[in-house]
Structure formats: C-alpha cells, structure tokens
C-alpha cells in the first residue's frame, strides 16, 4: 500500500490496539499465521495475502478478530484495485533469505 493510503487507513490505525489485545488474550497459536498474511519486509502484502487473510478471518481461527479486520481486507483490496502506487507497492519481491541454508555439524563429523 502506498504511503498516502496507509496514512488514510484510519480503521487500521484506530483498531490495531484492540486487535493486539484480542490476539494476545487468546491461547491459540495465531501469531504464526499472521506472518503468512503480513510478512516481514522486504516481502510485501499483496492481493493474495488479503484474500487468504479474509479466509482465515471467516473460516479459520481468526474469527475472534473478524469484525475488526474484515474492513481492513476491504480497504487493502480496494487500494490495490484503484491506485497504481498501491499496486506497485504490493508486487511480490522475492525474499533473498528464503534460500539461506543453515549447516549443522554433528560431533561425529569433527576431526581432532
């Protein structure tokens, strides 16, 4: 989403605190799901993220925050549809860290 539309995203700004309280009050492991919908930069939130988030809200364990978040989905999708800058800001960028390999050696591999 472009800076102009993000700043105008008042429903998000006004309700993010309540969303956080509800998410933290639940014992369900919802936080991991949120990274799939709202990935860490340089990854971006695109149309598919919003659509999957909407499904999670309607049919998944996100039902407790559905009333707060469905307007966010509507706004996010509409900005991508109407604004060229939002469309560009939502274009998928491959995260170079996705291919990082961590090598773990065992004691049997060590030579003295």
Protein backbone atom coordinates (compact mmCIF):
# COMPACT_ATOMS: atom_id res chain seq x y z
CA UNK A 1 0.00 0.00 0.00
CA UNK A 2 1.31 3.45 -0.81
CA UNK A 3 2.11 5.94 1.92
CA UNK A 4 -0.93 8.12 1.19
CA UNK A 5 -3.37 5.22 1.53
CA UNK A 6 -1.56 3.77 4.52
CA UNK A 7 -1.87 7.11 6.31
CA UNK A 8 -5.56 7.24 5.36
CA UNK A 9 -6.11 3.69 6.68
CA UNK A 10 -7.87 5.06 9.77
CA UNK A 11 -9.79 1.88 10.58
CA UNK A 12 -6.47 0.05 10.94
CA UNK A 13 -4.81 2.81 12.96
CA UNK A 14 -7.82 3.16 15.25
CA UNK A 15 -8.28 -0.57 15.90
CA UNK A 16 -4.78 -2.08 15.89
CA UNK A 17 -4.62 -1.81 19.70
CA UNK A 18 -7.85 -3.75 20.18
CA UNK A 19 -6.66 -6.31 17.62
CA UNK A 20 -3.42 -6.79 19.57
CA UNK A 21 -5.27 -7.19 22.86
CA UNK A 22 -7.57 -9.86 21.41
CA UNK A 23 -4.68 -11.69 19.76
CA UNK A 24 -2.65 -11.70 22.97
CA UNK A 25 -5.61 -12.76 25.11
CA UNK A 26 -6.10 -15.98 23.16
CA UNK A 27 -4.10 -19.09 23.85
CA UNK A 28 -4.31 -20.25 20.24
CA UNK A 29 -1.13 -20.04 18.13
CA UNK A 30 -2.40 -17.30 15.82
CA UNK A 31 0.73 -15.22 15.63
CA UNK A 32 2.48 -17.58 13.22
CA UNK A 33 -0.45 -17.29 10.81
CA UNK A 34 -0.13 -13.52 10.77
CA UNK A 35 3.36 -13.69 9.28
CA UNK A 36 1.92 -15.57 6.32
CA UNK A 37 -0.56 -12.74 5.70
CA UNK A 38 1.66 -9.83 6.72
CA UNK A 39 5.25 -10.92 6.00
CA UNK A 40 8.34 -9.16 7.27
CA UNK A 41 9.87 -6.68 4.81
CA UNK A 42 11.20 -6.80 2.14
CA UNK A 43 8.24 -9.10 1.47
CA UNK A 44 5.03 -7.26 0.66
CA UNK A 45 1.33 -7.57 1.34
CA UNK A 46 -0.44 -8.23 -1.94
CA UNK A 47 -3.86 -9.22 -3.19
CA UNK A 48 -3.35 -12.90 -2.33
CA UNK A 49 -2.29 -12.03 1.23
CA UNK A 50 -5.51 -10.06 1.72
CA UNK A 51 -7.63 -12.86 0.22
CA UNK A 52 -6.01 -15.52 2.42
CA UNK A 53 -6.35 -13.26 5.46
CA UNK A 54 -10.06 -12.85 4.71
CA UNK A 55 -10.48 -16.65 4.51
CA UNK A 56 -8.62 -17.05 7.82
CA UNK A 57 -10.94 -14.50 9.40
CA UNK A 58 -14.12 -16.06 8.04
CA UNK A 59 -13.33 -19.76 8.34
CA UNK A 60 -10.22 -20.14 10.47
CA UNK A 61 -9.14 -19.41 13.99
CA UNK A 62 -9.21 -15.69 13.22
CA UNK A 63 -12.94 -15.49 13.87
CA UNK A 64 -12.39 -13.68 17.19
CA UNK A 65 -10.94 -10.67 15.34
CA UNK A 66 -13.13 -10.93 12.23
CA UNK A 67 -15.24 -7.85 12.98
CA UNK A 68 -12.13 -5.74 13.49
CA UNK A 69 -10.22 -7.00 10.46
CA UNK A 70 -12.71 -7.53 7.63
CA UNK A 71 -12.83 -3.77 6.95
CA UNK A 72 -9.02 -3.88 6.66
CA UNK A 73 -9.31 -6.53 3.93
CA UNK A 74 -11.88 -4.45 2.04
CA UNK A 75 -9.69 -1.36 2.24
CA UNK A 76 -6.48 -3.21 1.31
CA UNK A 77 -8.03 -4.84 -1.75
CA UNK A 78 -9.70 -1.63 -2.87
CA UNK A 79 -6.44 0.35 -2.72
CA UNK A 80 -4.68 -2.27 -4.85
CA UNK A 81 -7.55 -2.15 -7.33
CA UNK A 82 -7.79 1.67 -7.55
CA UNK A 83 -4.26 3.00 -7.01
CA UNK A 84 -1.27 2.36 -9.28
CA UNK A 85 1.15 3.17 -6.43
CA UNK A 86 -0.59 0.66 -4.12
CA UNK A 87 -0.46 -1.96 -6.88
CA UNK A 88 3.26 -1.35 -7.30
CA UNK A 89 3.82 -1.41 -3.53
CA UNK A 90 2.10 -4.80 -3.31
CA UNK A 91 4.10 -6.52 -6.06
CA UNK A 92 5.81 -9.65 -4.79
CA UNK A 93 9.52 -9.28 -4.13
CA UNK A 94 11.45 -12.47 -3.58
CA UNK A 95 12.98 -12.59 -0.11
CA UNK A 96 16.68 -13.46 -0.52
CA UNK A 97 16.70 -15.02 2.96
CA UNK A 98 14.27 -17.77 1.92
CA UNK A 99 17.13 -19.81 0.46
CA UNK A 100 19.52 -19.45 3.40
CA UNK A 101 20.81 -22.85 4.45
CA UNK A 102 21.97 -23.47 7.98
CA UNK A 103 24.55 -26.21 8.21
CA UNK A 104 24.60 -28.12 11.47
CA UNK A 105 27.50 -30.41 12.12
CA UNK A 106 27.46 -33.33 14.47
CA UNK A 107 30.23 -34.41 16.82
CA UNK A 108 30.96 -37.39 14.57
CA UNK A 109 31.98 -35.04 11.78
CA UNK A 110 34.61 -33.26 13.86
CA UNK A 111 38.21 -34.33 13.47
CA UNK A 112 40.84 -33.84 16.10
